[in-house]
Amino acid sequence: MALDYKTSCEKCNTQLNMQSKACICSYECTFCETCSEEMNFICPNCNGELVKRPKRKKEN
């Protein structure tokens, strides 16, 4: 099962791509690094931990 890579931060709507620094919770809520830090790496939707989202290789 692959992660659902969302294309924007759920708090500030900053655009995200496969290489962007972003954080996710176990439900795949997605936030940019800045918002995640401001929220102390706690998801406002489920109160779960926000962790670094892995990056995918760029397609040629």
N, C-alpha and C. Protein backbone atom coordinates (compact mmCIF):
# COMPACT_ATOMS: atom_id res chain seq x y z
N MET A 1 0.84 -1.17 0.00
CA MET A 1 0.00 0.00 0.00
C MET A 1 0.89 1.24 0.00
N ALA A 2 0.74 2.10 -0.96
CA ALA A 2 1.55 3.31 -1.09
C ALA A 2 0.92 4.48 -0.33
N LEU A 3 1.78 5.40 0.10
CA LEU A 3 1.29 6.61 0.75
C LEU A 3 0.59 7.50 -0.27
N ASP A 4 -0.43 8.19 0.19
CA ASP A 4 -1.13 9.17 -0.63
C ASP A 4 -0.38 10.50 -0.49
N TYR A 5 0.39 10.88 -1.50
CA TYR A 5 1.16 12.12 -1.46
C TYR A 5 0.25 13.29 -1.81
N LYS A 6 -0.15 14.04 -0.82
CA LYS A 6 -1.02 15.20 -1.04
C LYS A 6 -0.19 16.36 -1.57
N THR A 7 -0.81 17.23 -2.32
CA THR A 7 -0.08 18.28 -3.03
C THR A 7 -0.10 19.64 -2.35
N SER A 8 -0.70 19.73 -1.15
CA SER A 8 -0.68 21.00 -0.43
C SER A 8 -0.80 20.76 1.07
N CYS A 9 -0.29 21.73 1.81
CA CYS A 9 -0.37 21.69 3.27
C CYS A 9 -1.83 21.89 3.69
N GLU A 10 -2.30 21.08 4.62
CA GLU A 10 -3.70 21.17 5.05
C GLU A 10 -3.98 22.39 5.92
N LYS A 11 -2.93 23.09 6.38
CA LYS A 11 -3.13 24.27 7.22
C LYS A 11 -2.98 25.56 6.42
N CYS A 12 -1.88 25.70 5.65
CA CYS A 12 -1.61 26.98 4.97
C CYS A 12 -1.74 26.91 3.46
N ASN A 13 -2.04 25.74 2.93
CA ASN A 13 -2.21 25.52 1.49
C ASN A 13 -0.95 25.72 0.64
N THR A 14 0.23 25.72 1.28
CA THR A 14 1.48 25.76 0.52
C THR A 14 1.52 24.55 -0.40
N GLN A 15 1.93 24.76 -1.65
CA GLN A 15 2.02 23.67 -2.61
C GLN A 15 3.20 22.76 -2.27
N LEU A 16 2.96 21.45 -2.34
CA LEU A 16 3.97 20.44 -2.05
C LEU A 16 4.13 19.52 -3.25
N ASN A 17 5.36 19.09 -3.51
CA ASN A 17 5.58 18.08 -4.55
C ASN A 17 6.25 16.87 -3.90
N MET A 18 6.65 15.91 -4.69
CA MET A 18 7.23 14.67 -4.16
C MET A 18 8.55 14.89 -3.43
N GLN A 19 9.21 16.03 -3.69
CA GLN A 19 10.49 16.33 -3.06
C GLN A 19 10.38 17.34 -1.92
N SER A 20 9.20 17.88 -1.69
CA SER A 20 9.02 18.89 -0.65
C SER A 20 9.20 18.29 0.74
N LYS A 21 9.73 19.12 1.64
CA LYS A 21 9.81 18.72 3.03
C LYS A 21 8.41 18.86 3.62
N ALA A 22 7.87 17.75 4.09
CA ALA A 22 6.52 17.75 4.65
C ALA A 22 6.44 16.69 5.75
N CYS A 23 5.40 16.80 6.56
CA CYS A 23 5.18 15.83 7.63
C CYS A 23 3.78 15.23 7.48
N ILE A 24 3.66 13.98 7.92
CA ILE A 24 2.38 13.27 7.85
C ILE A 24 2.12 12.56 9.17
N CYS A 25 0.85 12.27 9.43
CA CYS A 25 0.47 11.43 10.58
C CYS A 25 0.09 10.05 10.04
N SER A 26 -0.32 9.17 10.90
CA SER A 26 -0.66 7.80 10.48
C SER A 26 -1.89 7.75 9.57
N TYR A 27 -2.67 8.85 9.55
CA TYR A 27 -3.84 8.92 8.67
C TYR A 27 -3.52 9.67 7.37
N GLU A 28 -2.25 10.01 7.17
CA GLU A 28 -1.75 10.69 5.98
C GLU A 28 -2.19 12.15 5.89
N CYS A 29 -2.59 12.75 7.02
CA CYS A 29 -2.80 14.19 7.03
C CYS A 29 -1.43 14.78 6.73
N THR A 30 -1.39 15.83 5.92
CA THR A 30 -0.12 16.35 5.42
C THR A 30 0.02 17.83 5.69
N PHE A 31 1.19 18.20 6.23
CA PHE A 31 1.48 19.58 6.57
C PHE A 31 2.90 19.93 6.15
N CYS A 32 3.12 21.18 5.75
CA CYS A 32 4.47 21.61 5.41
C CYS A 32 5.33 21.60 6.68
N GLU A 33 6.62 21.68 6.49
CA GLU A 33 7.54 21.62 7.62
C GLU A 33 7.31 22.78 8.60
N THR A 34 7.05 23.97 8.09
CA THR A 34 6.84 25.13 8.94
C THR A 34 5.60 24.96 9.82
N CYS A 35 4.48 24.58 9.23
CA CYS A 35 3.25 24.39 10.01
C CYS A 35 3.42 23.25 11.01
N SER A 36 4.07 22.18 10.60
CA SER A 36 4.28 21.03 11.50
C SER A 36 5.05 21.46 12.74
N GLU A 37 6.08 22.26 12.52
CA GLU A 37 6.88 22.75 13.64
C GLU A 37 6.04 23.65 14.55
N GLU A 38 5.25 24.53 13.95
CA GLU A 38 4.38 25.43 14.73
C GLU A 38 3.38 24.65 15.57
N MET A 39 2.97 23.47 15.10
CA MET A 39 2.00 22.64 15.83
C MET A 39 2.69 21.61 16.72
N ASN A 40 4.01 21.80 16.94
CA ASN A 40 4.80 20.88 17.77
C ASN A 40 4.71 19.44 17.29
N PHE A 41 4.60 19.27 15.97
CA PHE A 41 4.56 17.96 15.33
C PHE A 41 3.42 17.07 15.86
N ILE A 42 2.28 17.72 16.18
CA ILE A 42 1.06 17.03 16.60
C ILE A 42 -0.03 17.35 15.58
N CYS A 43 -0.64 16.33 15.00
CA CYS A 43 -1.71 16.52 14.02
C CYS A 43 -2.94 17.12 14.69
N PRO A 44 -3.46 18.24 14.17
CA PRO A 44 -4.65 18.84 14.76
C PRO A 44 -5.92 18.04 14.49
N ASN A 45 -5.88 17.13 13.54
CA ASN A 45 -7.06 16.33 13.19
C ASN A 45 -7.23 15.12 14.09
N CYS A 46 -6.13 14.43 14.40
CA CYS A 46 -6.24 13.18 15.18
C CYS A 46 -5.37 13.17 16.44
N ASN A 47 -4.62 14.24 16.67
CA ASN A 47 -3.69 14.35 17.80
C ASN A 47 -2.54 13.36 17.72
N GLY A 48 -2.33 12.78 16.55
CA GLY A 48 -1.22 11.85 16.35
C GLY A 48 0.08 12.59 16.06
N GLU A 49 1.17 11.86 16.10
CA GLU A 49 2.49 12.42 15.83
C GLU A 49 2.67 12.70 14.34
N LEU A 50 3.24 13.86 14.03
CA LEU A 50 3.61 14.19 12.65
C LEU A 50 5.08 13.85 12.47
N VAL A 51 5.37 13.07 11.45
CA VAL A 51 6.74 12.65 11.16
C VAL A 51 7.11 13.05 9.74
N LYS A 52 8.41 13.09 9.45
CA LYS A 52 8.87 13.45 8.10
C LYS A 52 8.29 12.51 7.06
N ARG A 53 7.76 13.10 6.01
CA ARG A 53 7.24 12.30 4.90
C ARG A 53 8.43 11.88 4.03
N PRO A 54 8.53 10.60 3.68
CA PRO A 54 9.64 10.18 2.83
C PRO A 54 9.52 10.81 1.44
N LYS A 55 10.67 11.06 0.84
CA LYS A 55 10.69 11.64 -0.51
C LYS A 55 10.72 10.52 -1.54
N ARG A 56 10.10 10.77 -2.68
CA ARG A 56 10.14 9.82 -3.79
C ARG A 56 11.17 10.29 -4.80
N LYS A 57 11.70 9.33 -5.55
CA LYS A 57 12.65 9.68 -6.59
C LYS A 57 11.95 10.51 -7.65
N LYS A 58 12.72 11.44 -8.22
CA LYS A 58 12.19 12.22 -9.34
C LYS A 58 12.08 11.33 -10.54
N GLU A 59 10.99 11.48 -11.28
CA GLU A 59 10.82 10.71 -12.51
C GLU A 59 11.60 11.39 -13.62
N ASN A 60 12.25 10.59 -14.46
CA ASN A 60 13.05 11.16 -15.57
C ASN A 60 12.18 11.61 -16.70
